């Protein structure tokens, strides 16, 4: 797997309990990275099967990695040796087909797979292709699947920064603590730094800072409740169109500057 420290690629993943707003935050982080002018060539990976990041960014995907995985499984099940050989040679091109080239960054949607069962060799093959592709980018930002299970299915296995998003609730913080435990004790993912971001904050900043300290997590930042983000979500307007001075976008920009670009 590629070493982020060796090839200079900056690898960042955002995770947390479902419903905490991590997809909107990832979209705002992509905007902040682009606006900074210091992210270099940026790849955003939507690893959530619900493809929420596509809506947040206002993108219609060409193909998803889930569809490519289905193609591989169907070919393997057909038992045609020549077709299998051709598929292996075409894999890099198939992954390239799933890239959505936007004006300021590239998007790769993982999507969902319909075929049930364990296909670990296929998953490993796809992960290898993605890791090879990733070497062409300076910064990779992953919007992870909601909950704990996504930690086991990370698109990349080595990170510079893991950002855990929580709302100001006990359930959100319990999930954050469980993710921290999986990373630090079970060593499922290698990462240089991990920290907590509280979203939709309405006061109680001191209590949240104390909660992060109790969890043993570095507090990357607090994002205030922003009614404009909720309004954008309601009508399906891309989060990237938020005004630069919107409270949520400004808070995310500070987090990006300090924890990703700093």
C-alpha atoms as a PDB file:
ATOM      1  CA  UNK A   1       0.000   0.000   0.000  1.00  0.00           C
ATOM      2  CA  UNK A   2       1.273   3.535  -0.635  1.00  0.00           C
ATOM      3  CA  UNK A   3       3.102   5.287   2.162  1.00  0.00           C
ATOM      4  CA  UNK A   4       1.701   8.790   2.560  1.00  0.00           C
ATOM      5  CA  UNK A   5       4.906   9.902   4.197  1.00  0.00           C
ATOM      6  CA  UNK A   6       7.185   8.515   1.520  1.00  0.00           C
ATOM      7  CA  UNK A   7       5.476   9.758  -1.646  1.00  0.00           C
ATOM      8  CA  UNK A   8       4.254  13.069  -0.203  1.00  0.00           C
ATOM      9  CA  UNK A   9       0.554  12.298  -0.602  1.00  0.00           C
ATOM     10  CA  UNK A  10      -1.576  13.719   2.197  1.00  0.00           C
ATOM     11  CA  UNK A  11      -4.260  11.171   3.239  1.00  0.00           C
ATOM     12  CA  UNK A  12      -7.245  12.353   5.295  1.00  0.00           C
ATOM     13  CA  UNK A  13     -10.403  10.448   6.258  1.00  0.00           C
ATOM     14  CA  UNK A  14     -13.591  11.712   7.907  1.00  0.00           C
ATOM     15  CA  UNK A  15     -15.732   9.284   9.918  1.00  0.00           C
ATOM     16  CA  UNK A  16     -18.319   9.196  12.693  1.00  0.00           C
ATOM     17  CA  UNK A  17     -21.828   8.204  13.687  1.00  0.00           C
ATOM     18  CA  UNK A  18     -24.465   8.497  10.993  1.00  0.00           C
ATOM     19  CA  UNK A  19     -26.389  11.760  11.014  1.00  0.00           C
ATOM     20  CA  UNK A  20     -23.614  13.880  12.493  1.00  0.00           C
ATOM     21  CA  UNK A  21     -23.096  15.875   9.299  1.00  0.00           C
ATOM     22  CA  UNK A  22     -19.772  14.353   8.260  1.00  0.00           C
ATOM     23  CA  UNK A  23     -20.694  14.400   4.565  1.00  0.00           C
ATOM     24  CA  UNK A  24     -21.411  18.138   4.618  1.00  0.00           C
ATOM     25  CA  UNK A  25     -18.205  18.698   6.589  1.00  0.00           C
ATOM     26  CA  UNK A  26     -16.185  16.701   4.050  1.00  0.00           C
ATOM     27  CA  UNK A  27     -17.645  18.797   1.227  1.00  0.00           C
ATOM     28  CA  UNK A  28     -16.737  21.987   3.093  1.00  0.00           C
ATOM     29  CA  UNK A  29     -13.237  20.616   3.690  1.00  0.00           C
ATOM     30  CA  UNK A  30     -12.869  19.987  -0.040  1.00  0.00           C
ATOM     31  CA  UNK A  31     -13.916  23.593  -0.657  1.00  0.00           C
ATOM     32  CA  UNK A  32     -11.458  24.876   1.962  1.00  0.00           C
ATOM     33  CA  UNK A  33      -8.609  22.803   0.518  1.00  0.00           C
ATOM     34  CA  UNK A  34      -9.289  24.140  -2.976  1.00  0.00           C
ATOM     35  CA  UNK A  35      -9.608  27.730  -1.749  1.00  0.00           C
ATOM     36  CA  UNK A  36      -6.310  27.456   0.140  1.00  0.00           C
ATOM     37  CA  UNK A  37      -4.390  26.873  -3.080  1.00  0.00           C
ATOM     38  CA  UNK A  38      -2.076  24.555  -1.127  1.00  0.00           C
ATOM     39  CA  UNK A  39      -3.746  21.163  -1.526  1.00  0.00           C
ATOM     40  CA  UNK A  40      -2.182  20.403  -4.898  1.00  0.00           C
ATOM     41  CA  UNK A  41      -3.992  17.800  -6.973  1.00  0.00           C
ATOM     42  CA  UNK A  42      -7.019  16.787  -4.873  1.00  0.00           C
ATOM     43  CA  UNK A  43      -8.926  13.485  -4.942  1.00  0.00           C
ATOM     44  CA  UNK A  44     -12.178  13.219  -2.963  1.00  0.00           C
ATOM     45  CA  UNK A  45     -13.354   9.636  -2.360  1.00  0.00           C
ATOM     46  CA  UNK A  46     -17.006   9.085  -1.454  1.00  0.00           C
ATOM     47  CA  UNK A  47     -16.800   5.793   0.442  1.00  0.00           C
ATOM     48  CA  UNK A  48     -20.396   5.944   1.683  1.00  0.00           C
ATOM     49  CA  UNK A  49     -22.704   3.599  -0.302  1.00  0.00           C
ATOM     50  CA  UNK A  50     -25.473   6.204   0.008  1.00  0.00           C
ATOM     51  CA  UNK A  51     -23.383   8.514  -2.224  1.00  0.00           C
ATOM     52  CA  UNK A  52     -24.275  11.528  -0.086  1.00  0.00           C
ATOM     53  CA  UNK A  53     -21.067  13.309  -1.041  1.00  0.00           C
ATOM     54  CA  UNK A  54     -22.220  13.483  -4.650  1.00  0.00           C
ATOM     55  CA  UNK A  55     -25.275  15.487  -3.591  1.00  0.00           C
ATOM     56  CA  UNK A  56     -23.195  17.694  -1.294  1.00  0.00           C
ATOM     57  CA  UNK A  57     -20.850  18.471  -4.181  1.00  0.00           C
ATOM     58  CA  UNK A  58     -23.568  18.642  -6.842  1.00  0.00           C
ATOM     59  CA  UNK A  59     -22.057  15.848  -8.953  1.00  0.00           C
ATOM     60  CA  UNK A  60     -23.671  13.120 -11.051  1.00  0.00           C
ATOM     61  CA  UNK A  61     -21.262  10.155 -11.214  1.00  0.00           C
ATOM     62  CA  UNK A  62     -20.334   8.324 -14.394  1.00  0.00           C
ATOM     63  CA  UNK A  63     -19.626   4.950 -12.783  1.00  0.00           C
ATOM     64  CA  UNK A  64     -18.970   3.816  -9.243  1.00  0.00           C
ATOM     65  CA  UNK A  65     -16.448   1.340  -7.883  1.00  0.00           C
ATOM     66  CA  UNK A  66     -19.408  -0.782  -6.761  1.00  0.00           C
ATOM     67  CA  UNK A  67     -20.456  -1.187 -10.390  1.00  0.00           C
ATOM     68  CA  UNK A  68     -16.915  -2.128 -11.365  1.00  0.00           C
ATOM     69  CA  UNK A  69     -16.848  -4.690  -8.546  1.00  0.00           C
ATOM     70  CA  UNK A  70     -20.073  -6.194  -9.899  1.00  0.00           C
ATOM     71  CA  UNK A  71     -18.520  -6.457 -13.376  1.00  0.00           C
ATOM     72  CA  UNK A  72     -15.515  -8.291 -11.942  1.00  0.00           C
ATOM     73  CA  UNK A  73     -17.688 -10.727  -9.968  1.00  0.00           C
ATOM     74  CA  UNK A  74     -19.919 -11.491 -12.964  1.00  0.00           C
ATOM     75  CA  UNK A  75     -16.897 -12.166 -15.162  1.00  0.00           C
ATOM     76  CA  UNK A  76     -15.317 -14.394 -12.507  1.00  0.00           C
ATOM     77  CA  UNK A  77     -18.527 -16.359 -12.047  1.00  0.00           C
ATOM     78  CA  UNK A  78     -18.860 -16.892 -15.806  1.00  0.00           C
ATOM     79  CA  UNK A  79     -15.652 -18.931 -15.716  1.00  0.00           C
ATOM     80  CA  UNK A  80     -14.216 -17.621 -19.007  1.00  0.00           C
ATOM     81  CA  UNK A  81     -10.435 -17.645 -18.544  1.00  0.00           C
ATOM     82  CA  UNK A  82      -9.702 -15.246 -21.416  1.00  0.00           C
ATOM     83  CA  UNK A  83     -12.288 -12.772 -20.121  1.00  0.00           C
ATOM     84  CA  UNK A  84     -10.757 -12.936 -16.635  1.00  0.00           C
ATOM     85  CA  UNK A  85      -7.274 -12.257 -18.001  1.00  0.00           C
ATOM     86  CA  UNK A  86      -8.547  -9.333 -20.057  1.00  0.00           C
ATOM     87  CA  UNK A  87     -10.351  -7.936 -17.017  1.00  0.00           C
ATOM     88  CA  UNK A  88      -7.185  -7.906 -14.904  1.00  0.00           C
ATOM     89  CA  UNK A  89      -5.365  -5.983 -17.636  1.00  0.00           C
ATOM     90  CA  UNK A  90      -8.266  -3.529 -17.949  1.00  0.00           C
ATOM     91  CA  UNK A  91      -8.689  -2.925 -14.212  1.00  0.00           C
ATOM     92  CA  UNK A  92      -6.676   0.292 -14.020  1.00  0.00           C
ATOM     93  CA  UNK A  93      -8.620   1.672 -16.982  1.00  0.00           C
ATOM     94  CA  UNK A  94     -11.926   0.662 -15.369  1.00  0.00           C
ATOM     95  CA  UNK A  95     -10.993   2.538 -12.194  1.00  0.00           C
ATOM     96  CA  UNK A  96      -9.992   5.532 -14.308  1.00  0.00           C
ATOM     97  CA  UNK A  97     -13.462   5.424 -15.910  1.00  0.00           C
ATOM     98  CA  UNK A  98     -15.024   5.853 -12.466  1.00  0.00           C
ATOM     99  CA  UNK A  99     -13.199   9.155 -11.894  1.00  0.00           C
ATOM    100  CA  UNK A 100     -15.260  12.325 -12.125  1.00  0.00           C
ATOM    101  CA  UNK A 101     -12.962  15.143 -13.237  1.00  0.00           C
ATOM    102  CA  UNK A 102     -14.331  18.413 -11.853  1.00  0.00           C
ATOM    103  CA  UNK A 103     -12.980  21.925 -12.238  1.00  0.00           C
ATOM    104  CA  UNK A 104     -10.875  21.983  -9.070  1.00  0.00           C
ATOM    105  CA  UNK A 105     -10.654  18.357  -7.933  1.00  0.00           C
ATOM    106  CA  UNK A 106     -11.409  14.745  -8.867  1.00  0.00           C
ATOM    107  CA  UNK A 107     -14.158  12.624  -7.298  1.00  0.00           C
ATOM    108  CA  UNK A 108     -14.251   8.831  -6.986  1.00  0.00           C
ATOM    109  CA  UNK A 109     -17.524   7.262  -5.788  1.00  0.00           C
ATOM    110  CA  UNK A 110     -17.345   3.821  -4.199  1.00  0.00           C
ATOM    111  CA  UNK A 111     -21.105   3.180  -4.411  1.00  0.00           C
ATOM    112  CA  UNK A 112     -22.803   0.029  -3.219  1.00  0.00           C
ATOM    113  CA  UNK A 113     -22.496  -3.561  -4.369  1.00  0.00           C
ATOM    114  CA  UNK A 114     -25.525  -5.805  -4.889  1.00  0.00           C
ATOM    115  CA  UNK A 115     -23.787  -9.192  -4.843  1.00  0.00           C
ATOM    116  CA  UNK A 116     -23.890 -10.886  -1.454  1.00  0.00           C
ATOM    117  CA  UNK A 117     -21.096 -12.975  -0.017  1.00  0.00           C
ATOM    118  CA  UNK A 118     -17.416 -12.569   0.720  1.00  0.00           C
ATOM    119  CA  UNK A 119     -15.291 -11.439  -2.206  1.00  0.00           C
ATOM    120  CA  UNK A 120     -12.112 -10.504  -0.372  1.00  0.00           C
ATOM    121  CA  UNK A 121      -9.827 -11.108  -3.404  1.00  0.00           C
ATOM    122  CA  UNK A 122     -11.968  -8.730  -5.480  1.00  0.00           C
ATOM    123  CA  UNK A 123     -11.958  -6.127  -2.718  1.00  0.00           C
ATOM    124  CA  UNK A 124      -8.182  -6.426  -2.374  1.00  0.00           C
ATOM    125  CA  UNK A 125      -7.779  -6.078  -6.134  1.00  0.00           C
ATOM    126  CA  UNK A 126      -9.850  -2.906  -6.167  1.00  0.00           C
ATOM    127  CA  UNK A 127      -8.064  -1.473  -3.135  1.00  0.00           C
ATOM    128  CA  UNK A 128      -4.740  -2.075  -4.854  1.00  0.00           C
ATOM    129  CA  UNK A 129      -5.954  -0.293  -7.981  1.00  0.00           C
ATOM    130  CA  UNK A 130      -7.201   2.659  -5.942  1.00  0.00           C
ATOM    131  CA  UNK A 131      -3.949   2.883  -4.005  1.00  0.00           C
ATOM    132  CA  UNK A 132      -1.981   2.875  -7.248  1.00  0.00           C
ATOM    133  CA  UNK A 133      -4.242   5.598  -8.638  1.00  0.00           C
ATOM    134  CA  UNK A 134      -3.893   7.610  -5.430  1.00  0.00           C
ATOM    135  CA  UNK A 135      -0.179   8.040  -6.000  1.00  0.00           C
ATOM    136  CA  UNK A 136      -1.052  10.562  -8.726  1.00  0.00           C
ATOM    137  CA  UNK A 137      -2.621  12.966  -6.200  1.00  0.00           C
ATOM    138  CA  UNK A 138      -1.178  15.335  -3.608  1.00  0.00           C
ATOM    139  CA  UNK A 139      -4.149  15.250  -1.232  1.00  0.00           C
ATOM    140  CA  UNK A 140      -6.792  12.533  -0.771  1.00  0.00           C
ATOM    141  CA  UNK A 141      -9.913  13.281   1.269  1.00  0.00           C
ATOM    142  CA  UNK A 142     -12.172  10.321   2.121  1.00  0.00           C
ATOM    143  CA  UNK A 143     -15.792  10.661   3.226  1.00  0.00           C
ATOM    144  CA  UNK A 144     -16.158   7.405   5.136  1.00  0.00           C
ATOM    145  CA  UNK A 145     -19.200   5.215   5.564  1.00  0.00           C
ATOM    146  CA  UNK A 146     -21.218   5.993   8.702  1.00  0.00           C
ATOM    147  CA  UNK A 147     -20.600   4.080  11.905  1.00  0.00           C
ATOM    148  CA  UNK A 148     -17.901   1.696  13.078  1.00  0.00           C
ATOM    149  CA  UNK A 149     -17.899  -0.933  10.340  1.00  0.00           C
ATOM    150  CA  UNK A 150     -16.425   1.486   7.803  1.00  0.00           C
ATOM    151  CA  UNK A 151     -13.193   1.524   9.797  1.00  0.00           C
ATOM    152  CA  UNK A 152     -12.715  -2.123   8.798  1.00  0.00           C
ATOM    153  CA  UNK A 153     -13.405  -1.268   5.158  1.00  0.00           C
ATOM    154  CA  UNK A 154     -11.235   1.800   4.759  1.00  0.00           C
ATOM    155  CA  UNK A 155     -10.304   2.476   1.144  1.00  0.00           C
ATOM    156  CA  UNK A 156      -6.764   3.172   2.317  1.00  0.00           C
ATOM    157  CA  UNK A 157      -5.005   1.557   5.257  1.00  0.00           C
ATOM    158  CA  UNK A 158      -2.554   4.319   6.110  1.00  0.00           C
ATOM    159  CA  UNK A 159      -3.642   7.864   6.963  1.00  0.00           C
ATOM    160  CA  UNK A 160      -2.056  11.126   7.920  1.00  0.00           C
ATOM    161  CA  UNK A 161      -5.191  12.384   9.650  1.00  0.00           C
ATOM    162  CA  UNK A 162      -8.375  10.680  10.851  1.00  0.00           C
ATOM    163  CA  UNK A 163     -11.127  13.161  11.714  1.00  0.00           C
ATOM    164  CA  UNK A 164     -13.931  11.814  13.902  1.00  0.00           C
ATOM    165  CA  UNK A 165     -17.129  13.854  13.634  1.00  0.00           C
ATOM    166  CA  UNK A 166     -19.637  13.851  16.485  1.00  0.00           C
ATOM    167  CA  UNK A 167     -22.703  15.837  17.366  1.00  0.00           C
ATOM    168  CA  UNK A 168     -23.002  17.076  20.973  1.00  0.00           C
ATOM    169  CA  UNK A 169     -24.703  13.843  22.135  1.00  0.00           C
ATOM    170  CA  UNK A 170     -23.641  10.913  24.285  1.00  0.00           C
ATOM    171  CA  UNK A 171     -24.232   8.465  21.398  1.00  0.00           C
ATOM    172  CA  UNK A 172     -22.011  10.477  19.085  1.00  0.00           C
ATOM    173  CA  UNK A 173     -19.257  10.551  21.692  1.00  0.00           C
ATOM    174  CA  UNK A 174     -19.620   6.813  22.370  1.00  0.00           C
ATOM    175  CA  UNK A 175     -19.040   6.160  18.667  1.00  0.00           C
ATOM    176  CA  UNK A 176     -16.026   8.489  18.709  1.00  0.00           C
ATOM    177  CA  UNK A 177     -14.570   6.591  21.673  1.00  0.00           C
ATOM    178  CA  UNK A 178     -15.130   3.246  19.916  1.00  0.00           C
ATOM    179  CA  UNK A 179     -13.403   4.485  16.747  1.00  0.00           C
ATOM    180  CA  UNK A 180     -10.455   5.740  18.794  1.00  0.00           C
ATOM    181  CA  UNK A 181     -10.207   2.329  20.464  1.00  0.00           C
ATOM    182  CA  UNK A 182     -10.263   0.497  17.120  1.00  0.00           C
ATOM    183  CA  UNK A 183      -7.489   2.689  15.768  1.00  0.00           C
ATOM    184  CA  UNK A 184      -5.212   2.875  18.803  1.00  0.00           C
ATOM    185  CA  UNK A 185      -5.725  -0.511  20.467  1.00  0.00           C
ATOM    186  CA  UNK A 186      -6.728  -2.812  17.623  1.00  0.00           C
ATOM    187  CA  UNK A 187      -4.383  -1.085  15.127  1.00  0.00           C
ATOM    188  CA  UNK A 188      -6.854  -1.503  12.250  1.00  0.00           C
ATOM    189  CA  UNK A 189      -5.588   1.665  10.580  1.00  0.00           C
ATOM    190  CA  UNK A 190      -2.227   3.368  10.780  1.00  0.00           C
ATOM    191  CA  UNK A 191      -2.553   7.116  11.218  1.00  0.00           C
ATOM    192  CA  UNK A 192      -0.273   9.890  12.365  1.00  0.00           C
ATOM    193  CA  UNK A 193      -2.970  11.898  14.120  1.00  0.00           C
ATOM    194  CA  UNK A 194      -6.617  11.509  14.982  1.00  0.00           C
ATOM    195  CA  UNK A 195      -8.921  14.000  16.586  1.00  0.00           C
ATOM    196  CA  UNK A 196     -12.492  14.998  17.262  1.00  0.00           C
ATOM    197  CA  UNK A 197     -14.711  17.608  15.622  1.00  0.00           C
ATOM    198  CA  UNK A 198     -18.004  18.552  17.248  1.00  0.00           C
ATOM    199  CA  UNK A 199     -20.658  19.615  14.741  1.00  0.00           C
ATOM    200  CA  UNK A 200     -23.893  21.611  15.173  1.00  0.00           C
ATOM    201  CA  UNK A 201     -22.628  23.224  18.355  1.00  0.00           C
ATOM    202  CA  UNK A 202     -24.980  25.604  20.168  1.00  0.00           C
ATOM    203  CA  UNK A 203     -23.099  26.807  23.241  1.00  0.00           C
ATOM    204  CA  UNK A 204     -21.577  24.546  25.925  1.00  0.00           C
ATOM    205  CA  UNK A 205     -18.125  24.893  24.324  1.00  0.00           C
ATOM    206  CA  UNK A 206     -16.307  24.367  27.632  1.00  0.00           C
ATOM    207  CA  UNK A 207     -18.265  21.166  28.308  1.00  0.00           C
ATOM    208  CA  UNK A 208     -17.424  19.818  24.852  1.00  0.00           C
ATOM    209  CA  UNK A 209     -13.743  20.641  25.299  1.00  0.00           C
ATOM    210  CA  UNK A 210     -13.817  18.748  28.609  1.00  0.00           C
ATOM    211  CA  UNK A 211     -15.613  15.812  26.953  1.00  0.00           C
ATOM    212  CA  UNK A 212     -12.914  15.548  24.285  1.00  0.00           C
ATOM    213  CA  UNK A 213     -10.241  15.565  26.983  1.00  0.00           C
ATOM    214  CA  UNK A 214     -12.090  12.829  28.889  1.00  0.00           C
ATOM    215  CA  UNK A 215     -12.178  10.713  25.727  1.00  0.00           C
ATOM    216  CA  UNK A 216      -8.451  11.258  25.294  1.00  0.00           C
ATOM    217  CA  UNK A 217      -8.984  12.836  21.888  1.00  0.00           C
ATOM    218  CA  UNK A 218      -7.408  15.963  20.531  1.00  0.00           C
ATOM    219  CA  UNK A 219     -10.144  18.499  19.791  1.00  0.00           C
ATOM    220  CA  UNK A 220      -9.666  19.607  16.185  1.00  0.00           C
ATOM    221  CA  UNK A 221     -12.496  22.121  16.325  1.00  0.00           C
ATOM    222  CA  UNK A 222     -16.095  23.113  16.974  1.00  0.00           C
ATOM    223  CA  UNK A 223     -18.488  23.782  14.098  1.00  0.00           C
ATOM    224  CA  UNK A 224     -21.478  25.927  15.058  1.00  0.00           C
ATOM    225  CA  UNK A 225     -25.034  25.074  14.112  1.00  0.00           C
ATOM    226  CA  UNK A 226     -25.522  26.796  10.758  1.00  0.00           C
ATOM    227  CA  UNK A 227     -29.100  27.189   9.560  1.00  0.00           C
ATOM    228  CA  UNK A 228     -27.863  27.903   6.044  1.00  0.00           C
ATOM    229  CA  UNK A 229     -26.344  24.408   5.785  1.00  0.00           C
ATOM    230  CA  UNK A 230     -29.680  22.900   6.824  1.00  0.00           C
ATOM    231  CA  UNK A 231     -31.451  25.015   4.192  1.00  0.00           C
ATOM    232  CA  UNK A 232     -29.020  23.866   1.484  1.00  0.00           C
ATOM    233  CA  UNK A 233     -29.583  20.223   2.512  1.00  0.00           C
ATOM    234  CA  UNK A 234     -33.343  20.664   2.405  1.00  0.00           C
ATOM    235  CA  UNK A 235     -33.413  21.767  -1.243  1.00  0.00           C
ATOM    236  CA  UNK A 236     -30.468  19.632  -2.408  1.00  0.00           C
ATOM    237  CA  UNK A 237     -28.225  22.592  -3.137  1.00  0.00           C
ATOM    238  CA  UNK A 238     -24.472  21.779  -3.197  1.00  0.00           C
ATOM    239  CA  UNK A 239     -22.779  22.618   0.103  1.00  0.00           C
ATOM    240  CA  UNK A 240     -19.818  23.975  -1.853  1.00  0.00           C
ATOM    241  CA  UNK A 241     -21.993  26.953  -2.849  1.00  0.00           C
ATOM    242  CA  UNK A 242     -22.143  28.201   0.743  1.00  0.00           C
ATOM    243  CA  UNK A 243     -20.822  31.762   1.128  1.00  0.00           C
ATOM    244  CA  UNK A 244     -17.158  31.766   2.160  1.00  0.00           C
ATOM    245  CA  UNK A 245     -18.089  33.687   5.301  1.00  0.00           C
ATOM    246  CA  UNK A 246     -20.827  31.284   6.423  1.00  0.00           C
ATOM    247  CA  UNK A 247     -20.191  30.267  10.072  1.00  0.00           C
ATOM    248  CA  UNK A 248     -19.911  26.558   9.263  1.00  0.00           C
ATOM    249  CA  UNK A 249     -17.580  27.069   6.308  1.00  0.00           C
ATOM    250  CA  UNK A 250     -15.388  29.468   8.290  1.00  0.00           C
ATOM    251  CA  UNK A 251     -15.065  26.960  11.149  1.00  0.00           C
ATOM    252  CA  UNK A 252     -14.176  24.157   8.735  1.00  0.00           C
ATOM    253  CA  UNK A 253     -11.575  26.366   7.073  1.00  0.00           C
ATOM    254  CA  UNK A 254      -9.858  26.875  10.429  1.00  0.00           C
ATOM    255  CA  UNK A 255      -9.838  23.113  11.060  1.00  0.00           C
ATOM    256  CA  UNK A 256      -8.346  22.443   7.619  1.00  0.00           C
ATOM    257  CA  UNK A 257      -5.647  25.076   8.111  1.00  0.00           C
ATOM    258  CA  UNK A 258      -4.637  23.760  11.518  1.00  0.00           C
ATOM    259  CA  UNK A 259      -5.055  19.996  11.184  1.00  0.00           C
ATOM    260  CA  UNK A 260      -4.543  19.212   7.489  1.00  0.00           C
ATOM    261  CA  UNK A 261      -2.440  21.973   5.969  1.00  0.00           C
ATOM    262  CA  UNK A 262      -0.682  23.149   9.122  1.00  0.00           C
END
